[in-house]
Amino acid sequence: MSGQAGGRPGKGSGGGAAEALREDVRRGIEPVVRDAGLYLEDVSVSRAGARSVVRVVLDLPEDAEGSLDLDTVAEVSRPISTVLDDADVLPGAYTLEVSTPGTDRPLTEPRHFRRARGRIVRLVLTDGGTVEGRLLAVDDALRLEVAGARGRTEERAVPLDGVVRGHVQVELRRALAADLPELDDAPSAEGATGANDRTASGPDDEEA
């Protein structure tokens, strides 16, 4: 999706100016994302030639299960573009890319783990060890269903402060049942030149 911001001069190329521009964009679009019932995971602004590239990562609320679908991403991309046009915070033309977190996103915050409930995760622990299992619940600890003796499963609680990071593990049977969405790369959310040409991004992964 491409757009044309107004003629406001740029704020410079320093790190502080770049961060201020990013925060301007975040503040501008956050109400739109919130009104759509979504969570604004990340915003970045970079330059590609004469254009700014605005990358927006959206997610469902932490108490939701599943992943964003293409139609929802397309619907919220339009008002985000309108806000950026109206706010006049970007110097010159820009390209808007809207996506969702992929399965390769490191799990480092409690909300990341809550979004991964029901999935198999691999945890890297502060003591250097690892634990893998299906994430059942998140409170003061991560509660996992792990492999036990004689092929049985058992529940294990791993304190959050004992976890460095986690990663969602791709389940082949789940991916095949959903036409391989977890194994495919998502399309780029890049539109053609022109303020009226709008192409929404797809989610980075689908939940089976």
N, C-alpha and C. Protein backbone atom coordinates (compact mmCIF):
# COMPACT_ATOMS: atom_id res chain seq x y z
N MET A 1 0.86 -1.18 0.00
CA MET A 1 0.00 0.00 0.00
C MET A 1 0.89 1.23 0.00
N SER A 2 0.63 2.15 -0.90
CA SER A 2 1.43 3.35 -0.99
C SER A 2 0.56 4.56 -0.74
N GLY A 3 1.20 5.62 -0.30
CA GLY A 3 0.47 6.85 -0.05
C GLY A 3 1.39 8.03 -0.25
N GLN A 4 0.83 9.20 -0.09
CA GLN A 4 1.60 10.42 -0.26
C GLN A 4 1.32 11.31 0.93
N ALA A 5 2.32 11.51 1.75
CA ALA A 5 2.17 12.42 2.87
C ALA A 5 2.34 13.85 2.37
N GLY A 6 2.05 14.79 3.22
CA GLY A 6 2.14 16.20 2.84
C GLY A 6 3.57 16.67 2.70
N GLY A 7 3.74 17.94 2.55
CA GLY A 7 5.05 18.51 2.27
C GLY A 7 5.85 18.86 3.49
N ARG A 8 5.55 18.29 4.65
CA ARG A 8 6.28 18.61 5.85
C ARG A 8 7.72 18.17 5.73
N PRO A 9 8.69 19.02 6.06
CA PRO A 9 10.09 18.64 5.93
C PRO A 9 10.41 17.48 6.86
N GLY A 10 11.47 16.73 6.52
CA GLY A 10 11.91 15.65 7.37
C GLY A 10 12.51 16.17 8.66
N LYS A 11 12.64 15.29 9.64
CA LYS A 11 13.16 15.68 10.95
C LYS A 11 14.64 15.40 11.09
N GLY A 12 15.28 15.04 9.97
CA GLY A 12 16.70 14.76 10.07
C GLY A 12 16.94 13.27 10.03
N SER A 13 18.23 12.89 10.03
CA SER A 13 18.57 11.49 9.88
C SER A 13 19.18 10.89 11.13
N GLY A 14 19.26 11.65 12.21
CA GLY A 14 19.84 11.13 13.43
C GLY A 14 18.96 10.10 14.08
N GLY A 15 19.59 9.30 14.99
CA GLY A 15 18.84 8.26 15.67
C GLY A 15 17.69 8.82 16.48
N GLY A 16 17.90 9.95 17.16
CA GLY A 16 16.84 10.55 17.96
C GLY A 16 15.67 11.00 17.10
N ALA A 17 15.98 11.58 15.95
CA ALA A 17 14.93 12.05 15.05
C ALA A 17 14.15 10.86 14.48
N ALA A 18 14.87 9.77 14.16
CA ALA A 18 14.21 8.58 13.61
C ALA A 18 13.27 7.98 14.65
N GLU A 19 13.70 7.94 15.91
CA GLU A 19 12.86 7.39 16.96
C GLU A 19 11.65 8.28 17.21
N ALA A 20 11.85 9.61 17.12
CA ALA A 20 10.73 10.53 17.29
C ALA A 20 9.70 10.35 16.18
N LEU A 21 10.17 10.13 14.94
CA LEU A 21 9.26 9.90 13.82
C LEU A 21 8.48 8.60 14.02
N ARG A 22 9.18 7.57 14.46
CA ARG A 22 8.52 6.28 14.74
C ARG A 22 7.43 6.44 15.79
N GLU A 23 7.72 7.20 16.85
CA GLU A 23 6.72 7.40 17.90
C GLU A 23 5.55 8.24 17.40
N ASP A 24 5.82 9.21 16.52
CA ASP A 24 4.73 9.99 15.92
C ASP A 24 3.78 9.08 15.15
N VAL A 25 4.36 8.16 14.36
CA VAL A 25 3.55 7.23 13.58
C VAL A 25 2.77 6.32 14.52
N ARG A 26 3.43 5.80 15.54
CA ARG A 26 2.76 4.89 16.49
C ARG A 26 1.59 5.58 17.16
N ARG A 27 1.81 6.80 17.66
CA ARG A 27 0.73 7.52 18.33
C ARG A 27 -0.43 7.79 17.38
N GLY A 28 -0.11 8.04 16.12
CA GLY A 28 -1.16 8.35 15.16
C GLY A 28 -2.05 7.16 14.83
N ILE A 29 -1.43 5.98 14.68
CA ILE A 29 -2.21 4.82 14.21
C ILE A 29 -2.74 3.96 15.35
N GLU A 30 -2.21 4.12 16.56
CA GLU A 30 -2.63 3.24 17.66
C GLU A 30 -4.13 3.28 17.93
N PRO A 31 -4.78 4.47 17.93
CA PRO A 31 -6.23 4.47 18.15
C PRO A 31 -7.00 3.69 17.10
N VAL A 32 -6.55 3.75 15.85
CA VAL A 32 -7.22 3.01 14.77
C VAL A 32 -7.10 1.52 15.00
N VAL A 33 -5.91 1.09 15.37
CA VAL A 33 -5.67 -0.33 15.63
C VAL A 33 -6.50 -0.80 16.82
N ARG A 34 -6.52 0.02 17.86
CA ARG A 34 -7.29 -0.34 19.07
C ARG A 34 -8.77 -0.42 18.76
N ASP A 35 -9.29 0.52 17.97
CA ASP A 35 -10.71 0.51 17.61
C ASP A 35 -11.07 -0.73 16.79
N ALA A 36 -10.10 -1.28 16.08
CA ALA A 36 -10.34 -2.50 15.30
C ALA A 36 -10.26 -3.75 16.16
N GLY A 37 -10.00 -3.57 17.46
CA GLY A 37 -9.91 -4.72 18.35
C GLY A 37 -8.61 -5.48 18.23
N LEU A 38 -7.55 -4.80 17.75
CA LEU A 38 -6.26 -5.44 17.54
C LEU A 38 -5.19 -4.83 18.44
N TYR A 39 -4.01 -5.43 18.43
CA TYR A 39 -2.89 -4.97 19.24
C TYR A 39 -1.76 -4.53 18.31
N LEU A 40 -1.19 -3.34 18.58
CA LEU A 40 -0.09 -2.82 17.78
C LEU A 40 1.22 -3.37 18.34
N GLU A 41 1.74 -4.39 17.68
CA GLU A 41 2.94 -5.08 18.15
C GLU A 41 4.19 -4.26 17.91
N ASP A 42 4.32 -3.67 16.73
CA ASP A 42 5.57 -2.96 16.42
C ASP A 42 5.34 -2.00 15.25
N VAL A 43 6.15 -0.95 15.23
CA VAL A 43 6.16 0.02 14.13
C VAL A 43 7.61 0.35 13.82
N SER A 44 7.95 0.38 12.56
CA SER A 44 9.28 0.84 12.16
C SER A 44 9.14 1.74 10.93
N VAL A 45 10.03 2.71 10.83
CA VAL A 45 10.05 3.63 9.69
C VAL A 45 11.47 3.67 9.15
N SER A 46 11.63 3.43 7.85
CA SER A 46 12.95 3.47 7.22
C SER A 46 12.83 4.18 5.88
N ARG A 47 13.96 4.37 5.24
CA ARG A 47 13.98 5.01 3.93
C ARG A 47 14.34 4.01 2.86
N ALA A 48 13.68 4.10 1.72
CA ALA A 48 14.01 3.31 0.54
C ALA A 48 14.02 4.27 -0.65
N GLY A 49 15.19 4.82 -0.95
CA GLY A 49 15.27 5.83 -1.99
C GLY A 49 14.58 7.11 -1.53
N ALA A 50 13.65 7.60 -2.35
CA ALA A 50 12.95 8.84 -2.02
C ALA A 50 11.74 8.60 -1.13
N ARG A 51 11.43 7.35 -0.83
CA ARG A 51 10.23 7.02 -0.06
C ARG A 51 10.57 6.61 1.37
N SER A 52 9.61 6.83 2.24
CA SER A 52 9.64 6.22 3.56
C SER A 52 8.92 4.88 3.47
N VAL A 53 9.38 3.90 4.23
CA VAL A 53 8.71 2.61 4.33
C VAL A 53 8.25 2.45 5.77
N VAL A 54 6.94 2.37 5.95
CA VAL A 54 6.35 2.20 7.26
C VAL A 54 5.91 0.75 7.39
N ARG A 55 6.52 0.05 8.35
CA ARG A 55 6.17 -1.35 8.59
C ARG A 55 5.42 -1.44 9.92
N VAL A 56 4.23 -2.00 9.85
CA VAL A 56 3.36 -2.12 11.01
C VAL A 56 3.08 -3.60 11.26
N VAL A 57 3.31 -4.05 12.48
CA VAL A 57 3.04 -5.43 12.85
C VAL A 57 1.86 -5.44 13.81
N LEU A 58 0.81 -6.16 13.44
CA LEU A 58 -0.42 -6.23 14.24
C LEU A 58 -0.62 -7.64 14.78
N ASP A 59 -1.32 -7.71 15.89
CA ASP A 59 -1.63 -9.01 16.46
C ASP A 59 -3.02 -8.95 17.09
N LEU A 60 -3.58 -10.11 17.38
CA LEU A 60 -4.81 -10.18 18.14
C LEU A 60 -4.52 -9.88 19.61
N PRO A 61 -5.52 -9.53 20.40
CA PRO A 61 -5.31 -9.34 21.84
C PRO A 61 -4.77 -10.62 22.47
N GLU A 62 -4.09 -10.47 23.61
CA GLU A 62 -3.40 -11.61 24.20
C GLU A 62 -4.35 -12.71 24.69
N ASP A 63 -5.62 -12.36 24.93
CA ASP A 63 -6.57 -13.38 25.39
C ASP A 63 -7.24 -14.12 24.23
N ALA A 64 -6.90 -13.75 23.00
CA ALA A 64 -7.49 -14.39 21.82
C ALA A 64 -6.64 -15.57 21.37
N GLU A 65 -7.26 -16.52 20.70
CA GLU A 65 -6.55 -17.63 20.10
C GLU A 65 -6.67 -17.55 18.59
N GLY A 66 -5.75 -18.19 17.89
CA GLY A 66 -5.75 -18.12 16.44
C GLY A 66 -4.86 -16.99 15.95
N SER A 67 -4.99 -16.66 14.68
CA SER A 67 -4.17 -15.60 14.08
C SER A 67 -5.03 -14.71 13.21
N LEU A 68 -4.49 -13.56 12.88
CA LEU A 68 -5.22 -12.62 12.03
C LEU A 68 -5.41 -13.19 10.63
N ASP A 69 -6.57 -12.93 10.05
CA ASP A 69 -6.82 -13.37 8.69
C ASP A 69 -6.59 -12.22 7.71
N LEU A 70 -6.50 -12.56 6.45
CA LEU A 70 -6.18 -11.58 5.41
C LEU A 70 -7.22 -10.47 5.34
N ASP A 71 -8.49 -10.81 5.46
CA ASP A 71 -9.54 -9.80 5.35
C ASP A 71 -9.42 -8.76 6.47
N THR A 72 -9.14 -9.20 7.70
CA THR A 72 -9.00 -8.26 8.81
C THR A 72 -7.82 -7.35 8.61
N VAL A 73 -6.69 -7.91 8.15
CA VAL A 73 -5.50 -7.10 7.90
C VAL A 73 -5.80 -6.06 6.82
N ALA A 74 -6.51 -6.46 5.76
CA ALA A 74 -6.84 -5.52 4.69
C ALA A 74 -7.74 -4.40 5.18
N GLU A 75 -8.72 -4.76 6.01
CA GLU A 75 -9.67 -3.76 6.51
C GLU A 75 -8.98 -2.69 7.36
N VAL A 76 -8.07 -3.11 8.23
CA VAL A 76 -7.43 -2.13 9.12
C VAL A 76 -6.31 -1.37 8.40
N SER A 77 -5.78 -1.92 7.31
CA SER A 77 -4.73 -1.23 6.56
C SER A 77 -5.25 0.08 5.96
N ARG A 78 -6.50 0.10 5.54
CA ARG A 78 -7.05 1.29 4.89
C ARG A 78 -7.13 2.48 5.85
N PRO A 79 -7.74 2.34 7.04
CA PRO A 79 -7.77 3.49 7.95
C PRO A 79 -6.39 3.89 8.46
N ILE A 80 -5.46 2.93 8.57
CA ILE A 80 -4.09 3.28 8.96
C ILE A 80 -3.49 4.21 7.92
N SER A 81 -3.67 3.87 6.63
CA SER A 81 -3.15 4.71 5.56
C SER A 81 -3.79 6.10 5.59
N THR A 82 -5.10 6.15 5.85
CA THR A 82 -5.80 7.43 5.91
C THR A 82 -5.26 8.29 7.04
N VAL A 83 -5.01 7.70 8.20
CA VAL A 83 -4.46 8.45 9.33
C VAL A 83 -3.09 9.00 9.00
N LEU A 84 -2.25 8.19 8.36
CA LEU A 84 -0.91 8.66 8.00
C LEU A 84 -0.97 9.81 7.01
N ASP A 85 -1.91 9.73 6.06
CA ASP A 85 -2.08 10.84 5.11
C ASP A 85 -2.51 12.12 5.83
N ASP A 86 -3.48 11.97 6.75
CA ASP A 86 -4.04 13.14 7.42
C ASP A 86 -3.08 13.73 8.46
N ALA A 87 -2.30 12.87 9.12
CA ALA A 87 -1.43 13.34 10.20
C ALA A 87 -0.24 14.13 9.68
N ASP A 88 0.18 13.87 8.44
CA ASP A 88 1.27 14.63 7.83
C ASP A 88 2.56 14.54 8.65
N VAL A 89 2.91 13.35 9.12
CA VAL A 89 4.13 13.19 9.90
C VAL A 89 5.30 12.67 9.06
N LEU A 90 5.01 12.15 7.86
CA LEU A 90 6.06 11.58 7.02
C LEU A 90 6.44 12.53 5.91
N PRO A 91 7.72 12.71 5.68
CA PRO A 91 8.17 13.59 4.60
C PRO A 91 8.03 12.92 3.24
N GLY A 92 7.16 13.45 2.38
CA GLY A 92 7.03 12.92 1.04
C GLY A 92 6.22 11.64 0.97
N ALA A 93 6.48 10.86 -0.09
CA ALA A 93 5.73 9.63 -0.33
C ALA A 93 6.17 8.53 0.63
N TYR A 94 5.29 7.55 0.84
CA TYR A 94 5.63 6.44 1.72
C TYR A 94 4.97 5.16 1.20
N THR A 95 5.51 4.04 1.61
CA THR A 95 4.92 2.73 1.36
C THR A 95 4.56 2.12 2.71
N LEU A 96 3.34 1.64 2.83
CA LEU A 96 2.87 1.03 4.07
C LEU A 96 2.84 -0.48 3.93
N GLU A 97 3.49 -1.17 4.85
CA GLU A 97 3.47 -2.62 4.89
C GLU A 97 2.87 -3.05 6.23
N VAL A 98 1.81 -3.83 6.18
CA VAL A 98 1.13 -4.31 7.39
C VAL A 98 1.20 -5.83 7.41
N SER A 99 1.66 -6.38 8.54
CA SER A 99 1.80 -7.83 8.65
C SER A 99 1.48 -8.26 10.07
N THR A 100 1.58 -9.55 10.33
CA THR A 100 1.38 -10.10 11.66
C THR A 100 2.64 -10.84 12.07
N PRO A 101 2.83 -11.08 13.36
CA PRO A 101 4.02 -11.80 13.81
C PRO A 101 4.04 -13.22 13.24
N GLY A 102 5.19 -13.65 12.76
CA GLY A 102 5.31 -15.00 12.25
C GLY A 102 5.62 -15.99 13.35
N THR A 103 5.62 -17.27 13.02
CA THR A 103 5.93 -18.29 14.02
C THR A 103 7.38 -18.22 14.48
N ASP A 104 8.24 -17.51 13.73
CA ASP A 104 9.64 -17.40 14.13
C ASP A 104 9.87 -16.24 15.08
N ARG A 105 8.81 -15.51 15.45
CA ARG A 105 8.96 -14.40 16.39
C ARG A 105 9.38 -14.94 17.76
N PRO A 106 10.51 -14.48 18.33
CA PRO A 106 10.89 -14.95 19.67
C PRO A 106 9.82 -14.56 20.69
N LEU A 107 9.56 -15.45 21.61
CA LEU A 107 8.61 -15.19 22.69
C LEU A 107 9.40 -14.66 23.88
N THR A 108 9.25 -13.38 24.16
CA THR A 108 10.05 -12.76 25.21
C THR A 108 9.21 -12.03 26.25
N GLU A 109 7.92 -11.84 25.98
CA GLU A 109 7.06 -11.12 26.90
C GLU A 109 5.88 -12.01 27.28
N PRO A 110 5.28 -11.77 28.47
CA PRO A 110 4.13 -12.58 28.87
C PRO A 110 3.03 -12.63 27.82
N ARG A 111 2.76 -11.49 27.13
CA ARG A 111 1.69 -11.51 26.13
C ARG A 111 2.07 -12.40 24.95
N HIS A 112 3.35 -12.49 24.62
CA HIS A 112 3.77 -13.38 23.53
C HIS A 112 3.43 -14.82 23.88
N PHE A 113 3.70 -15.20 25.12
CA PHE A 113 3.41 -16.57 25.55
C PHE A 113 1.91 -16.82 25.60
N ARG A 114 1.15 -15.82 26.04
CA ARG A 114 -0.31 -16.01 26.08
C ARG A 114 -0.86 -16.24 24.68
N ARG A 115 -0.29 -15.55 23.70
CA ARG A 115 -0.75 -15.73 22.32
C ARG A 115 -0.37 -17.11 21.78
N ALA A 116 0.61 -17.76 22.42
CA ALA A 116 1.09 -19.05 21.94
C ALA A 116 0.43 -20.22 22.68
N ARG A 117 -0.58 -19.94 23.51
CA ARG A 117 -1.25 -21.03 24.22
C ARG A 117 -1.83 -22.04 23.23
N GLY A 118 -1.66 -23.31 23.57
CA GLY A 118 -2.12 -24.38 22.71
C GLY A 118 -1.08 -24.84 21.71
N ARG A 119 0.02 -24.11 21.59
CA ARG A 119 1.07 -24.46 20.64
C ARG A 119 2.22 -25.17 21.36
N ILE A 120 3.02 -25.90 20.61
CA ILE A 120 4.24 -26.48 21.16
C ILE A 120 5.33 -25.41 21.13
N VAL A 121 5.95 -25.18 22.26
CA VAL A 121 7.00 -24.16 22.36
C VAL A 121 8.28 -24.79 22.90
N ARG A 122 9.37 -24.21 22.51
CA ARG A 122 10.68 -24.61 23.03
C ARG A 122 11.24 -23.44 23.82
N LEU A 123 11.53 -23.66 25.08
CA LEU A 123 12.00 -22.60 25.97
C LEU A 123 13.50 -22.72 26.20
N VAL A 124 14.17 -21.58 26.15
CA VAL A 124 15.58 -21.50 26.54
C VAL A 124 15.60 -20.92 27.94
N LEU A 125 16.19 -21.64 28.87
CA LEU A 125 16.15 -21.27 30.28
C LEU A 125 17.40 -20.49 30.70
N THR A 126 17.28 -19.77 31.78
CA THR A 126 18.40 -18.97 32.28
C THR A 126 19.57 -19.84 32.73
N ASP A 127 19.30 -21.11 33.08
CA ASP A 127 20.39 -21.99 33.51
C ASP A 127 21.07 -22.69 32.34
N GLY A 128 20.65 -22.33 31.10
CA GLY A 128 21.27 -22.90 29.92
C GLY A 128 20.53 -24.10 29.36
N GLY A 129 19.55 -24.62 30.10
CA GLY A 129 18.80 -25.77 29.62
C GLY A 129 17.66 -25.37 28.70
N THR A 130 16.95 -26.36 28.19
CA THR A 130 15.80 -26.13 27.32
C THR A 130 14.65 -27.04 27.77
N VAL A 131 13.44 -26.61 27.50
CA VAL A 131 12.23 -27.39 27.77
C VAL A 131 11.32 -27.25 26.57
N GLU A 132 10.72 -28.35 26.14
CA GLU A 132 9.79 -28.30 25.02
C GLU A 132 8.49 -28.99 25.42
N GLY A 133 7.39 -28.36 25.09
CA GLY A 133 6.09 -28.95 25.39
C GLY A 133 4.97 -28.07 24.90
N ARG A 134 3.75 -28.56 25.06
CA ARG A 134 2.59 -27.78 24.64
C ARG A 134 2.22 -26.80 25.74
N LEU A 135 2.11 -25.51 25.39
CA LEU A 135 1.83 -24.47 26.36
C LEU A 135 0.34 -24.47 26.70
N LEU A 136 0.04 -24.75 27.96
CA LEU A 136 -1.35 -24.86 28.38
C LEU A 136 -1.89 -23.57 28.97
N ALA A 137 -1.09 -22.89 29.77
CA ALA A 137 -1.56 -21.69 30.46
C ALA A 137 -0.38 -20.83 30.84
N VAL A 138 -0.67 -19.54 31.09
CA VAL A 138 0.36 -18.58 31.49
C VAL A 138 -0.17 -17.77 32.66
N ASP A 139 0.53 -17.83 33.80
CA ASP A 139 0.22 -16.94 34.92
C ASP A 139 1.55 -16.45 35.48
N ASP A 140 1.89 -16.85 36.69
CA ASP A 140 3.23 -16.51 37.18
C ASP A 140 4.27 -17.48 36.66
N ALA A 141 3.80 -18.50 35.96
CA ALA A 141 4.68 -19.49 35.35
C ALA A 141 4.08 -19.94 34.03
N LEU A 142 4.90 -20.57 33.21
CA LEU A 142 4.44 -21.19 31.98
C LEU A 142 4.12 -22.64 32.29
N ARG A 143 2.89 -23.05 32.04
CA ARG A 143 2.47 -24.40 32.36
C ARG A 143 2.42 -25.21 31.06
N LEU A 144 3.28 -26.22 31.02
CA LEU A 144 3.49 -26.99 29.80
C LEU A 144 3.07 -28.44 30.00
N GLU A 145 2.60 -29.04 28.91
CA GLU A 145 2.42 -30.48 28.85
C GLU A 145 3.64 -31.04 28.16
N VAL A 146 4.44 -31.81 28.91
CA VAL A 146 5.71 -32.31 28.38
C VAL A 146 5.69 -33.83 28.37
N ALA A 147 6.61 -34.40 27.61
CA ALA A 147 6.73 -35.86 27.53
C ALA A 147 7.27 -36.39 28.85
N GLY A 148 6.60 -37.41 29.35
CA GLY A 148 7.04 -38.05 30.58
C GLY A 148 7.53 -39.46 30.33
N ALA A 149 7.57 -40.25 31.37
CA ALA A 149 8.06 -41.63 31.26
C ALA A 149 7.03 -42.51 30.55
N ARG A 150 7.55 -43.51 29.84
CA ARG A 150 6.72 -44.53 29.18
C ARG A 150 5.68 -43.93 28.23
N GLY A 151 6.06 -42.88 27.55
CA GLY A 151 5.18 -42.28 26.55
C GLY A 151 4.04 -41.46 27.11
N ARG A 152 3.99 -41.30 28.41
CA ARG A 152 2.93 -40.49 29.00
C ARG A 152 3.31 -39.01 28.98
N THR A 153 2.32 -38.19 29.22
CA THR A 153 2.59 -36.76 29.32
C THR A 153 2.36 -36.31 30.75
N GLU A 154 3.02 -35.25 31.14
CA GLU A 154 2.86 -34.69 32.47
C GLU A 154 2.93 -33.18 32.39
N GLU A 155 2.39 -32.51 33.39
CA GLU A 155 2.40 -31.05 33.40
C GLU A 155 3.62 -30.55 34.16
N ARG A 156 4.23 -29.52 33.61
CA ARG A 156 5.39 -28.91 34.25
C ARG A 156 5.22 -27.41 34.26
N ALA A 157 5.53 -26.78 35.39
CA ALA A 157 5.46 -25.33 35.51
C ALA A 157 6.88 -24.76 35.46
N VAL A 158 7.09 -23.80 34.57
CA VAL A 158 8.39 -23.16 34.42
C VAL A 158 8.22 -21.68 34.78
N PRO A 159 8.85 -21.20 35.86
CA PRO A 159 8.71 -19.78 36.25
C PRO A 159 9.12 -18.85 35.12
N LEU A 160 8.36 -17.79 34.94
CA LEU A 160 8.67 -16.84 33.86
C LEU A 160 10.06 -16.23 34.02
N ASP A 161 10.47 -15.97 35.25
CA ASP A 161 11.78 -15.36 35.44
C ASP A 161 12.93 -16.34 35.21
N GLY A 162 12.59 -17.60 34.93
CA GLY A 162 13.62 -18.57 34.59
C GLY A 162 13.74 -18.83 33.11
N VAL A 163 13.00 -18.03 32.30
CA VAL A 163 12.98 -18.22 30.85
C VAL A 163 13.67 -17.05 30.16
N VAL A 164 14.61 -17.34 29.29
CA VAL A 164 15.26 -16.30 28.49
C VAL A 164 14.38 -15.92 27.30
N ARG A 165 13.91 -16.94 26.59
CA ARG A 165 13.03 -16.72 25.43
C ARG A 165 12.41 -18.05 25.05
N GLY A 166 11.41 -17.96 24.20
CA GLY A 166 10.79 -19.17 23.68
C GLY A 166 10.58 -19.06 22.19
N HIS A 167 10.31 -20.19 21.55
CA HIS A 167 10.02 -20.21 20.12
C HIS A 167 8.89 -21.21 19.88
N VAL A 168 7.93 -20.83 19.04
CA VAL A 168 6.87 -21.75 18.64
C VAL A 168 7.46 -22.76 17.67
N GLN A 169 7.13 -24.03 17.88
CA GLN A 169 7.60 -25.10 17.02
C GLN A 169 6.52 -25.44 15.99
N VAL A 170 6.89 -25.55 14.73
CA VAL A 170 5.94 -25.88 13.67
C VAL A 170 5.53 -27.33 13.81
N GLU A 171 4.23 -27.57 13.83
CA GLU A 171 3.69 -28.93 13.91
C GLU A 171 3.28 -29.36 12.51
N LEU A 172 3.94 -30.35 11.97
CA LEU A 172 3.73 -30.73 10.58
C LEU A 172 2.29 -31.15 10.32
N ARG A 173 1.72 -31.97 11.22
CA ARG A 173 0.33 -32.41 11.00
C ARG A 173 -0.63 -31.24 11.01
N ARG A 174 -0.40 -30.30 11.94
CA ARG A 174 -1.26 -29.11 12.02
C ARG A 174 -1.12 -28.28 10.75
N ALA A 175 0.11 -28.10 10.27
CA ALA A 175 0.34 -27.30 9.07
C ALA A 175 -0.28 -27.94 7.84
N LEU A 176 -0.14 -29.27 7.72
CA LEU A 176 -0.71 -29.95 6.56
C LEU A 176 -2.23 -29.85 6.56
N ALA A 177 -2.83 -29.94 7.74
CA ALA A 177 -4.28 -29.85 7.83
C ALA A 177 -4.79 -28.48 7.42
N ALA A 178 -3.93 -27.47 7.52
CA ALA A 178 -4.32 -26.10 7.18
C ALA A 178 -3.68 -25.65 5.88
N ASP A 179 -3.38 -26.60 4.98
CA ASP A 179 -2.79 -26.28 3.67
C ASP A 179 -1.45 -25.57 3.81
N LEU A 180 -0.66 -26.00 4.79
CA LEU A 180 0.72 -25.56 4.96
C LEU A 180 0.90 -24.07 5.25
N PRO A 181 0.00 -23.36 5.93
CA PRO A 181 0.24 -21.94 6.17
C PRO A 181 1.45 -21.70 7.05
N GLU A 182 1.79 -22.65 7.95
CA GLU A 182 2.92 -22.43 8.84
C GLU A 182 4.24 -22.68 8.13
N LEU A 183 4.21 -23.32 6.98
CA LEU A 183 5.44 -23.64 6.28
C LEU A 183 5.73 -22.66 5.15
N ASP A 184 4.77 -21.84 4.81
CA ASP A 184 4.95 -20.89 3.72
C ASP A 184 5.34 -19.53 4.27
N ASP A 185 6.06 -18.77 3.46
CA ASP A 185 6.34 -17.38 3.81
C ASP A 185 5.16 -16.53 3.42
N ALA A 186 4.88 -15.50 4.23
CA ALA A 186 3.76 -14.62 3.93
C ALA A 186 4.12 -13.67 2.81
N PRO A 187 3.14 -13.25 1.99
CA PRO A 187 3.41 -12.26 0.96
C PRO A 187 3.76 -10.92 1.57
N SER A 188 4.53 -10.14 0.86
CA SER A 188 4.89 -8.81 1.34
C SER A 188 3.72 -7.87 1.21
N ALA A 189 3.59 -6.97 2.16
CA ALA A 189 2.49 -6.01 2.16
C ALA A 189 2.93 -4.74 1.47
N GLU A 190 3.26 -4.82 0.21
CA GLU A 190 3.77 -3.65 -0.49
C GLU A 190 2.85 -3.32 -1.65
N GLY A 191 2.37 -2.10 -1.69
CA GLY A 191 1.43 -1.70 -2.71
C GLY A 191 2.12 -1.04 -3.89
N ALA A 192 1.35 -0.85 -4.95
CA ALA A 192 1.87 -0.17 -6.13
C ALA A 192 1.92 1.33 -5.88
N THR A 193 2.63 2.04 -6.74
CA THR A 193 2.75 3.48 -6.60
C THR A 193 1.41 4.15 -6.82
N GLY A 194 1.11 5.13 -5.99
CA GLY A 194 -0.13 5.87 -6.13
C GLY A 194 -0.95 5.81 -4.88
N ALA A 195 -1.50 6.93 -4.47
CA ALA A 195 -2.21 7.00 -3.20
C ALA A 195 -3.46 6.15 -3.20
N ASN A 196 -4.04 5.86 -4.36
CA ASN A 196 -5.30 5.13 -4.41
C ASN A 196 -5.12 3.64 -4.61
N ASP A 197 -3.89 3.19 -4.85
CA ASP A 197 -3.64 1.77 -5.02
C ASP A 197 -3.37 1.16 -3.67
N ARG A 198 -4.21 0.22 -3.25
CA ARG A 198 -4.09 -0.34 -1.91
C ARG A 198 -4.04 -1.86 -2.01
N THR A 199 -2.97 -2.43 -1.48
CA THR A 199 -2.84 -3.88 -1.44
C THR A 199 -2.52 -4.27 -0.01
N ALA A 200 -3.40 -5.05 0.61
CA ALA A 200 -3.19 -5.43 2.01
C ALA A 200 -2.21 -6.57 2.10
N SER A 201 -1.52 -6.65 3.22
CA SER A 201 -0.63 -7.76 3.48
C SER A 201 -1.42 -8.95 3.96
N GLY A 202 -0.79 -10.11 3.90
CA GLY A 202 -1.36 -11.31 4.50
C GLY A 202 -0.69 -11.59 5.81
N PRO A 203 -1.30 -12.44 6.64
CA PRO A 203 -0.68 -12.81 7.89
C PRO A 203 0.60 -13.59 7.65
N ASP A 204 1.53 -13.52 8.58
CA ASP A 204 2.77 -14.25 8.45
C ASP A 204 2.58 -15.72 8.71
N ASP A 205 1.51 -16.10 9.42
CA ASP A 205 1.22 -17.50 9.62
C ASP A 205 -0.23 -17.66 9.93
N GLU A 206 -0.77 -18.83 9.70
CA GLU A 206 -2.15 -19.16 10.00
C GLU A 206 -2.19 -20.15 11.13
N GLU A 207 -3.20 -20.04 11.94
CA GLU A 207 -3.40 -21.02 13.01
C GLU A 207 -4.30 -22.13 12.50
N ALA A 208 -3.88 -23.34 12.71
CA ALA A 208 -4.71 -24.45 12.27
C ALA A 208 -5.92 -24.58 13.18
